[in-house]
């Protein structure tokens, strides 16, 4: 992943976090918003780790 992709992903994560904060300020459920953010982060992390393992296995072969 290049620098541009990292910056794009960081900007998307920041925008999502700001939307969650705005929702909470407007009466949204704190637990639901934080759980959604956490799930999005862990899903993305799992995807990146899986891709790394697939790449490492290909290099080994």
PDB file of N, CA and C in Angstrom:
ATOM      1  N   UNK A   1       0.855  -1.172   0.000  1.00  0.00           N
ATOM      2  CA  UNK A   1       0.000   0.000   0.000  1.00  0.00           C
ATOM      3  C   UNK A   1       0.896   1.229   0.000  1.00  0.00           C
ATOM      4  N   UNK A   2       0.612   2.147  -0.900  1.00  0.00           N
ATOM      5  CA  UNK A   2       1.415   3.347  -1.031  1.00  0.00           C
ATOM      6  C   UNK A   2       0.976   4.452  -0.080  1.00  0.00           C
ATOM      7  N   UNK A   3       1.760   5.506  -0.059  1.00  0.00           N
ATOM      8  CA  UNK A   3       1.457   6.639   0.811  1.00  0.00           C
ATOM      9  C   UNK A   3       0.106   7.264   0.491  1.00  0.00           C
ATOM     10  N   UNK A   4      -0.196   7.359  -0.787  1.00  0.00           N
ATOM     11  CA  UNK A   4      -1.478   7.962  -1.183  1.00  0.00           C
ATOM     12  C   UNK A   4      -2.647   7.123  -0.666  1.00  0.00           C
ATOM     13  N   UNK A   5      -2.537   5.798  -0.753  1.00  0.00           N
ATOM     14  CA  UNK A   5      -3.595   4.920  -0.246  1.00  0.00           C
ATOM     15  C   UNK A   5      -3.746   5.063   1.259  1.00  0.00           C
ATOM     16  N   UNK A   6      -2.624   5.166   1.959  1.00  0.00           N
ATOM     17  CA  UNK A   6      -2.673   5.336   3.421  1.00  0.00           C
ATOM     18  C   UNK A   6      -3.352   6.655   3.791  1.00  0.00           C
ATOM     19  N   UNK A   7      -2.996   7.721   3.077  1.00  0.00           N
ATOM     20  CA  UNK A   7      -3.620   9.016   3.356  1.00  0.00           C
ATOM     21  C   UNK A   7      -5.119   8.967   3.074  1.00  0.00           C
ATOM     22  N   UNK A   8      -5.496   8.305   1.997  1.00  0.00           N
ATOM     23  CA  UNK A   8      -6.915   8.191   1.658  1.00  0.00           C
ATOM     24  C   UNK A   8      -7.671   7.414   2.733  1.00  0.00           C
ATOM     25  N   UNK A   9      -7.094   6.288   3.162  1.00  0.00           N
ATOM     26  CA  UNK A   9      -7.743   5.480   4.203  1.00  0.00           C
ATOM     27  C   UNK A   9      -7.852   6.259   5.510  1.00  0.00           C
ATOM     28  N   UNK A  10      -6.793   6.999   5.873  1.00  0.00           N
ATOM     29  CA  UNK A  10      -6.823   7.801   7.094  1.00  0.00           C
ATOM     30  C   UNK A  10      -7.894   8.884   7.007  1.00  0.00           C
ATOM     31  N   UNK A  11      -8.023   9.516   5.856  1.00  0.00           N
ATOM     32  CA  UNK A  11      -9.043  10.551   5.676  1.00  0.00           C
ATOM     33  C   UNK A  11     -10.444   9.951   5.778  1.00  0.00           C
ATOM     34  N   UNK A  12     -10.639   8.772   5.214  1.00  0.00           N
ATOM     35  CA  UNK A  12     -11.939   8.106   5.290  1.00  0.00           C
ATOM     36  C   UNK A  12     -12.278   7.726   6.733  1.00  0.00           C
ATOM     37  N   UNK A  13     -11.280   7.223   7.472  1.00  0.00           N
ATOM     38  CA  UNK A  13     -11.499   6.862   8.871  1.00  0.00           C
ATOM     39  C   UNK A  13     -11.824   8.099   9.704  1.00  0.00           C
ATOM     40  N   UNK A  14     -11.111   9.189   9.439  1.00  0.00           N
ATOM     41  CA  UNK A  14     -11.375  10.420  10.179  1.00  0.00           C
ATOM     42  C   UNK A  14     -12.780  10.938   9.878  1.00  0.00           C
ATOM     43  N   UNK A  15     -13.170  10.909   8.620  1.00  0.00           N
ATOM     44  CA  UNK A  15     -14.513  11.367   8.251  1.00  0.00           C
ATOM     45  C   UNK A  15     -15.575  10.516   8.931  1.00  0.00           C
ATOM     46  N   UNK A  16     -15.362   9.213   8.972  1.00  0.00           N
ATOM     47  CA  UNK A  16     -16.333   8.321   9.627  1.00  0.00           C
ATOM     48  C   UNK A  16     -16.411   8.618  11.124  1.00  0.00           C
ATOM     49  N   UNK A  17     -15.264   8.850  11.756  1.00  0.00           N
ATOM     50  CA  UNK A  17     -15.250   9.167  13.188  1.00  0.00           C
ATOM     51  C   UNK A  17     -15.964  10.489  13.456  1.00  0.00           C
ATOM     52  N   UNK A  18     -15.756  11.470  12.591  1.00  0.00           N
ATOM     53  CA  UNK A  18     -16.430  12.753  12.774  1.00  0.00           C
ATOM     54  C   UNK A  18     -17.939  12.619  12.600  1.00  0.00           C
ATOM     55  N   UNK A  19     -18.363  11.772  11.649  1.00  0.00           N
ATOM     56  CA  UNK A  19     -19.807  11.522  11.492  1.00  0.00           C
ATOM     57  C   UNK A  19     -20.381  10.857  12.747  1.00  0.00           C
ATOM     58  N   UNK A  20     -19.612   9.931  13.332  1.00  0.00           N
ATOM     59  CA  UNK A  20     -20.076   9.262  14.551  1.00  0.00           C
ATOM     60  C   UNK A  20     -20.204  10.264  15.697  1.00  0.00           C
ATOM     61  N   UNK A  21     -19.227  11.153  15.836  1.00  0.00           N
ATOM     62  CA  UNK A  21     -19.299  12.172  16.882  1.00  0.00           C
ATOM     63  C   UNK A  21     -20.504  13.086  16.686  1.00  0.00           C
ATOM     64  N   UNK A  22     -20.733  13.475  15.447  1.00  0.00           N
ATOM     65  CA  UNK A  22     -21.887  14.333  15.154  1.00  0.00           C
ATOM     66  C   UNK A  22     -23.187  13.608  15.493  1.00  0.00           C
ATOM     67  N   UNK A  23     -23.267  12.338  15.170  1.00  0.00           N
ATOM     68  CA  UNK A  23     -24.451  11.559  15.478  1.00  0.00           C
ATOM     69  C   UNK A  23     -24.673  11.484  16.992  1.00  0.00           C
ATOM     70  N   UNK A  24     -23.592  11.274  17.737  1.00  0.00           N
ATOM     71  CA  UNK A  24     -23.698  11.204  19.203  1.00  0.00           C
ATOM     72  C   UNK A  24     -24.164  12.546  19.755  1.00  0.00           C
ATOM     73  N   UNK A  25     -23.598  13.644  19.236  1.00  0.00           N
ATOM     74  CA  UNK A  25     -24.011  14.980  19.684  1.00  0.00           C
ATOM     75  C   UNK A  25     -25.492  15.239  19.404  1.00  0.00           C
ATOM     76  N   UNK A  26     -25.997  14.636  18.347  1.00  0.00           N
ATOM     77  CA  UNK A  26     -27.409  14.830  17.981  1.00  0.00           C
ATOM     78  C   UNK A  26     -28.331  13.788  18.587  1.00  0.00           C
ATOM     79  N   UNK A  27     -27.851  13.089  19.612  1.00  0.00           N
ATOM     80  CA  UNK A  27     -28.701  12.147  20.328  1.00  0.00           C
ATOM     81  C   UNK A  27     -28.520  10.696  19.939  1.00  0.00           C
ATOM     82  N   UNK A  28     -27.547  10.401  19.087  1.00  0.00           N
ATOM     83  CA  UNK A  28     -27.289   9.015  18.702  1.00  0.00           C
ATOM     84  C   UNK A  28     -26.769   8.198  19.870  1.00  0.00           C
ATOM     85  N   UNK A  29     -26.839   6.920  19.760  1.00  0.00           N
ATOM     86  CA  UNK A  29     -26.409   6.017  20.826  1.00  0.00           C
ATOM     87  C   UNK A  29     -24.890   5.870  20.840  1.00  0.00           C
ATOM     88  N   UNK A  30     -24.269   6.233  21.954  1.00  0.00           N
ATOM     89  CA  UNK A  30     -22.823   6.166  22.092  1.00  0.00           C
ATOM     90  C   UNK A  30     -22.303   4.741  21.884  1.00  0.00           C
ATOM     91  N   UNK A  31     -22.951   3.784  22.493  1.00  0.00           N
ATOM     92  CA  UNK A  31     -22.509   2.387  22.385  1.00  0.00           C
ATOM     93  C   UNK A  31     -22.557   1.866  20.960  1.00  0.00           C
ATOM     94  N   UNK A  32     -23.635   2.170  20.277  1.00  0.00           N
ATOM     95  CA  UNK A  32     -23.792   1.711  18.893  1.00  0.00           C
ATOM     96  C   UNK A  32     -22.743   2.337  17.983  1.00  0.00           C
ATOM     97  N   UNK A  33     -22.546   3.644  18.123  1.00  0.00           N
ATOM     98  CA  UNK A  33     -21.575   4.339  17.272  1.00  0.00           C
ATOM     99  C   UNK A  33     -20.159   3.832  17.520  1.00  0.00           C
ATOM    100  N   UNK A  34     -19.778   3.662  18.781  1.00  0.00           N
ATOM    101  CA  UNK A  34     -18.419   3.195  19.061  1.00  0.00           C
ATOM    102  C   UNK A  34     -18.237   1.744  18.620  1.00  0.00           C
ATOM    103  N   UNK A  35     -19.262   0.933  18.786  1.00  0.00           N
ATOM    104  CA  UNK A  35     -19.173  -0.458  18.335  1.00  0.00           C
ATOM    105  C   UNK A  35     -19.021  -0.523  16.819  1.00  0.00           C
ATOM    106  N   UNK A  36     -19.778   0.297  16.114  1.00  0.00           N
ATOM    107  CA  UNK A  36     -19.663   0.335  14.650  1.00  0.00           C
ATOM    108  C   UNK A  36     -18.260   0.750  14.219  1.00  0.00           C
ATOM    109  N   UNK A  37     -17.705   1.794  14.856  1.00  0.00           N
ATOM    110  CA  UNK A  37     -16.346   2.227  14.521  1.00  0.00           C
ATOM    111  C   UNK A  37     -15.331   1.130  14.808  1.00  0.00           C
ATOM    112  N   UNK A  38     -15.481   0.488  15.945  1.00  0.00           N
ATOM    113  CA  UNK A  38     -14.564  -0.582  16.325  1.00  0.00           C
ATOM    114  C   UNK A  38     -14.636  -1.745  15.337  1.00  0.00           C
ATOM    115  N   UNK A  39     -15.844  -2.112  14.949  1.00  0.00           N
ATOM    116  CA  UNK A  39     -16.012  -3.215  13.992  1.00  0.00           C
ATOM    117  C   UNK A  39     -15.404  -2.873  12.636  1.00  0.00           C
ATOM    118  N   UNK A  40     -15.594  -1.637  12.188  1.00  0.00           N
ATOM    119  CA  UNK A  40     -15.004  -1.221  10.915  1.00  0.00           C
ATOM    120  C   UNK A  40     -13.487  -1.310  10.969  1.00  0.00           C
ATOM    121  N   UNK A  41     -12.916  -0.853  12.077  1.00  0.00           N
ATOM    122  CA  UNK A  41     -11.452  -0.886  12.217  1.00  0.00           C
ATOM    123  C   UNK A  41     -10.942  -2.328  12.242  1.00  0.00           C
ATOM    124  N   UNK A  42     -11.574  -3.175  13.064  1.00  0.00           N
ATOM    125  CA  UNK A  42     -11.078  -4.552  13.184  1.00  0.00           C
ATOM    126  C   UNK A  42     -11.281  -5.333  11.886  1.00  0.00           C
ATOM    127  N   UNK A  43     -12.361  -5.065  11.156  1.00  0.00           N
ATOM    128  CA  UNK A  43     -12.561  -5.723   9.858  1.00  0.00           C
ATOM    129  C   UNK A  43     -11.462  -5.319   8.878  1.00  0.00           C
ATOM    130  N   UNK A  44     -11.132  -4.037   8.848  1.00  0.00           N
ATOM    131  CA  UNK A  44     -10.060  -3.572   7.969  1.00  0.00           C
ATOM    132  C   UNK A  44      -8.711  -4.151   8.358  1.00  0.00           C
ATOM    133  N   UNK A  45      -8.455  -4.214   9.647  1.00  0.00           N
ATOM    134  CA  UNK A  45      -7.192  -4.784  10.123  1.00  0.00           C
ATOM    135  C   UNK A  45      -7.097  -6.264   9.756  1.00  0.00           C
ATOM    136  N   UNK A  46      -8.180  -6.991   9.945  1.00  0.00           N
ATOM    137  CA  UNK A  46      -8.191  -8.417   9.611  1.00  0.00           C
ATOM    138  C   UNK A  46      -7.921  -8.618   8.118  1.00  0.00           C
ATOM    139  N   UNK A  47      -8.504  -7.766   7.299  1.00  0.00           N
ATOM    140  CA  UNK A  47      -8.286  -7.855   5.853  1.00  0.00           C
ATOM    141  C   UNK A  47      -6.822  -7.612   5.502  1.00  0.00           C
ATOM    142  N   UNK A  48      -6.213  -6.591   6.115  1.00  0.00           N
ATOM    143  CA  UNK A  48      -4.805  -6.278   5.827  1.00  0.00           C
ATOM    144  C   UNK A  48      -3.872  -7.383   6.309  1.00  0.00           C
ATOM    145  N   UNK A  49      -4.143  -7.949   7.477  1.00  0.00           N
ATOM    146  CA  UNK A  49      -3.305  -9.040   7.999  1.00  0.00           C
ATOM    147  C   UNK A  49      -3.431 -10.274   7.116  1.00  0.00           C
ATOM    148  N   UNK A  50      -4.643 -10.597   6.702  1.00  0.00           N
ATOM    149  CA  UNK A  50      -4.850 -11.757   5.825  1.00  0.00           C
ATOM    150  C   UNK A  50      -4.108 -11.569   4.504  1.00  0.00           C
ATOM    151  N   UNK A  51      -4.162 -10.357   3.955  1.00  0.00           N
ATOM    152  CA  UNK A  51      -3.455 -10.084   2.703  1.00  0.00           C
ATOM    153  C   UNK A  51      -1.942 -10.230   2.896  1.00  0.00           C
ATOM    154  N   UNK A  52      -1.449  -9.784   4.037  1.00  0.00           N
ATOM    155  CA  UNK A  52      -0.015  -9.905   4.314  1.00  0.00           C
ATOM    156  C   UNK A  52       0.385 -11.385   4.374  1.00  0.00           C
ATOM    157  N   UNK A  53      -0.417 -12.208   5.065  1.00  0.00           N
ATOM    158  CA  UNK A  53      -0.103 -13.636   5.156  1.00  0.00           C
ATOM    159  C   UNK A  53      -0.157 -14.310   3.787  1.00  0.00           C
ATOM    160  N   UNK A  54      -1.156 -13.937   2.961  1.00  0.00           N
ATOM    161  CA  UNK A  54      -1.220 -14.517   1.636  1.00  0.00           C
ATOM    162  C   UNK A  54       0.041 -14.145   0.824  1.00  0.00           C
ATOM    163  N   UNK A  55       0.455 -12.902   0.929  1.00  0.00           N
ATOM    164  CA  UNK A  55       1.665 -12.467   0.224  1.00  0.00           C
ATOM    165  C   UNK A  55       2.911 -13.176   0.741  1.00  0.00           C
ATOM    166  N   UNK A  56       2.991 -13.348   2.064  1.00  0.00           N
ATOM    167  CA  UNK A  56       4.158 -14.027   2.644  1.00  0.00           C
ATOM    168  C   UNK A  56       4.202 -15.490   2.203  1.00  0.00           C
ATOM    169  N   UNK A  57       3.038 -16.122   2.109  1.00  0.00           N
ATOM    170  CA  UNK A  57       2.994 -17.522   1.694  1.00  0.00           C
ATOM    171  C   UNK A  57       3.397 -17.655   0.220  1.00  0.00           C
ATOM    172  N   UNK A  58       2.954 -16.695  -0.602  1.00  0.00           N
ATOM    173  CA  UNK A  58       3.332 -16.727  -2.027  1.00  0.00           C
ATOM    174  C   UNK A  58       4.833 -16.553  -2.191  1.00  0.00           C
ATOM    175  N   UNK A  59       5.429 -15.689  -1.411  1.00  0.00           N
ATOM    176  CA  UNK A  59       6.888 -15.476  -1.508  1.00  0.00           C
ATOM    177  C   UNK A  59       7.663 -16.707  -1.072  1.00  0.00           C
ATOM    178  N   UNK A  60       7.100 -17.464  -0.149  1.00  0.00           N
ATOM    179  CA  UNK A  60       7.746 -18.671   0.358  1.00  0.00           C
ATOM    180  C   UNK A  60       7.777 -19.769  -0.702  1.00  0.00           C
ATOM    181  N   UNK A  61       6.687 -19.850  -1.490  1.00  0.00           N
ATOM    182  CA  UNK A  61       6.565 -20.912  -2.513  1.00  0.00           C
ATOM    183  C   UNK A  61       7.487 -20.727  -3.640  1.00  0.00           C
TER     184      UNK A  61
END
